[in-house]
Amino acid sequence: MQQAATHHRVLTIADSSPETSWCGDWLKHWRYATGSTRDTCAVESCRQPARTGAHVQFDEHALRGHWYVVPICAEHCCPCKEDAPIFIDRRVALLPADEEPCNGPQWWS
């Protein structure tokens, strides 16, 4: 059983957004906006390389409606896992997906 104090229970819609950030992709946008150098998946106990910035929302009904971007590996971002809850380490910053586009370094574009 997951500890609420250490993890967020979220749902993913994978990396299905047709829009990308000004950084070129959602993972680069997440890294630039949060200042994080994390290069692994945010899912509990996963140490695979983060491959995309996935869009997730809290699984609790009272908190649904807001989407966030987190770094996720290819396995956990699989479209077949949509609507299946996953557990994100609370130490990982959840970047609101509706934030204004960032002005990341030009070489990221």
Protein backbone atom coordinates (compact mmCIF):
# COMPACT_ATOMS: atom_id res chain seq x y z
CA MET A 1 0.00 0.00 0.00
CA GLN A 2 1.28 3.46 -0.90
CA GLN A 3 2.02 6.09 1.70
CA ALA A 4 0.10 9.32 1.04
CA ALA A 5 2.92 11.25 2.69
CA THR A 6 5.50 10.11 0.15
CA HIS A 7 3.63 9.76 -3.16
CA HIS A 8 0.89 11.36 -5.26
CA ARG A 9 -1.67 9.01 -6.81
CA VAL A 10 -2.21 10.34 -10.35
CA LEU A 11 -3.72 9.40 -13.69
CA THR A 12 -1.81 9.91 -16.92
CA ILE A 13 -2.96 10.86 -20.39
CA ALA A 14 0.51 10.04 -21.68
CA ASP A 15 2.18 12.67 -23.85
CA SER A 16 -0.94 13.18 -25.91
CA SER A 17 -0.93 16.95 -26.08
CA PRO A 18 -0.59 18.11 -29.69
CA GLU A 19 0.92 21.35 -28.50
CA THR A 20 4.51 21.55 -27.39
CA SER A 21 6.14 24.13 -25.23
CA TRP A 22 8.50 26.75 -26.55
CA CYS A 23 11.30 24.55 -25.23
CA GLY A 24 10.53 22.03 -27.97
CA ASP A 25 8.93 19.29 -25.86
CA TRP A 26 7.27 18.86 -22.49
CA LEU A 27 10.22 17.14 -20.79
CA LYS A 28 12.56 20.00 -21.68
CA HIS A 29 9.88 22.46 -20.59
CA TRP A 30 9.54 20.66 -17.23
CA ARG A 31 13.31 20.68 -16.70
CA TYR A 32 13.69 24.36 -17.57
CA ALA A 33 10.67 25.55 -15.57
CA THR A 34 11.50 23.52 -12.45
CA GLY A 35 15.28 23.86 -12.66
CA SER A 36 15.55 20.11 -12.06
CA THR A 37 18.27 17.95 -13.55
CA ARG A 38 16.33 14.75 -12.83
CA ASP A 39 16.80 12.27 -15.66
CA THR A 40 14.75 9.32 -14.35
CA CYS A 41 11.06 8.49 -14.37
CA ALA A 42 9.03 10.05 -11.55
CA VAL A 43 7.00 6.88 -10.96
CA GLU A 44 7.61 5.14 -7.63
CA SER A 45 10.56 2.72 -7.71
CA CYS A 46 11.23 3.29 -11.43
CA ARG A 47 14.79 4.16 -12.38
CA GLN A 48 14.33 4.10 -16.16
CA PRO A 49 15.36 7.20 -18.12
CA ALA A 50 12.64 9.83 -18.45
CA ARG A 51 11.64 9.98 -22.13
CA THR A 52 8.79 12.48 -22.10
CA GLY A 53 6.93 15.01 -20.04
CA ALA A 54 3.64 13.27 -19.36
CA HIS A 55 0.41 15.03 -18.48
CA VAL A 56 -1.07 13.77 -15.22
CA GLN A 57 -3.84 14.76 -12.86
CA PHE A 58 -4.54 13.79 -9.26
CA ASP A 59 -6.68 10.67 -8.96
CA GLU A 60 -8.69 12.08 -6.05
CA HIS A 61 -11.99 13.42 -7.41
CA ALA A 62 -11.79 16.59 -5.34
CA LEU A 63 -8.45 17.48 -6.94
CA ARG A 64 -9.20 16.55 -10.56
CA GLY A 65 -9.41 19.11 -13.30
CA HIS A 66 -5.85 20.43 -13.28
CA TRP A 67 -3.16 18.84 -15.42
CA TYR A 68 0.51 18.71 -14.51
CA VAL A 69 3.67 17.74 -16.38
CA VAL A 70 6.11 15.21 -14.88
CA PRO A 71 9.06 13.26 -16.31
CA ILE A 72 8.06 9.70 -17.24
CA CYS A 73 9.75 6.76 -18.96
CA ALA A 74 8.40 5.11 -22.11
CA GLU A 75 6.94 2.16 -20.19
CA HIS A 76 4.84 4.28 -17.84
CA CYS A 77 3.73 6.64 -20.60
CA CYS A 78 2.25 3.85 -22.70
CA PRO A 79 -1.23 4.83 -24.00
CA CYS A 80 -2.55 1.45 -22.87
CA LYS A 81 -2.01 2.62 -19.28
CA GLU A 82 -4.23 5.69 -19.54
CA ASP A 83 -6.64 6.04 -16.64
CA ALA A 84 -4.67 3.51 -14.58
CA PRO A 85 -3.40 5.15 -11.39
CA ILE A 86 0.34 5.50 -10.91
CA PHE A 87 2.28 6.80 -7.93
CA ILE A 88 4.58 9.80 -8.37
CA ASP A 89 7.27 10.59 -5.81
CA ARG A 90 6.18 13.74 -3.91
CA ARG A 91 9.71 15.12 -4.16
CA VAL A 92 9.20 15.52 -7.93
CA ALA A 93 7.84 18.92 -8.93
CA LEU A 94 4.46 18.78 -10.65
CA LEU A 95 4.50 21.61 -13.19
CA PRO A 96 1.04 22.99 -14.04
CA ALA A 97 0.48 22.20 -17.72
CA ASP A 98 -1.50 25.39 -18.29
CA GLU A 99 1.34 27.71 -17.30
CA GLU A 100 2.38 30.31 -19.81
CA PRO A 101 4.93 29.00 -22.30
CA CYS A 102 8.44 29.32 -20.99
CA ASN A 103 11.24 31.14 -22.73
CA GLY A 104 13.75 28.31 -22.46
CA PRO A 105 17.20 28.47 -24.00
CA GLN A 106 17.09 28.79 -27.77
CA TRP A 107 19.13 25.64 -28.31
CA TRP A 108 16.28 23.60 -26.80
CA SER A 109 13.92 24.56 -29.61
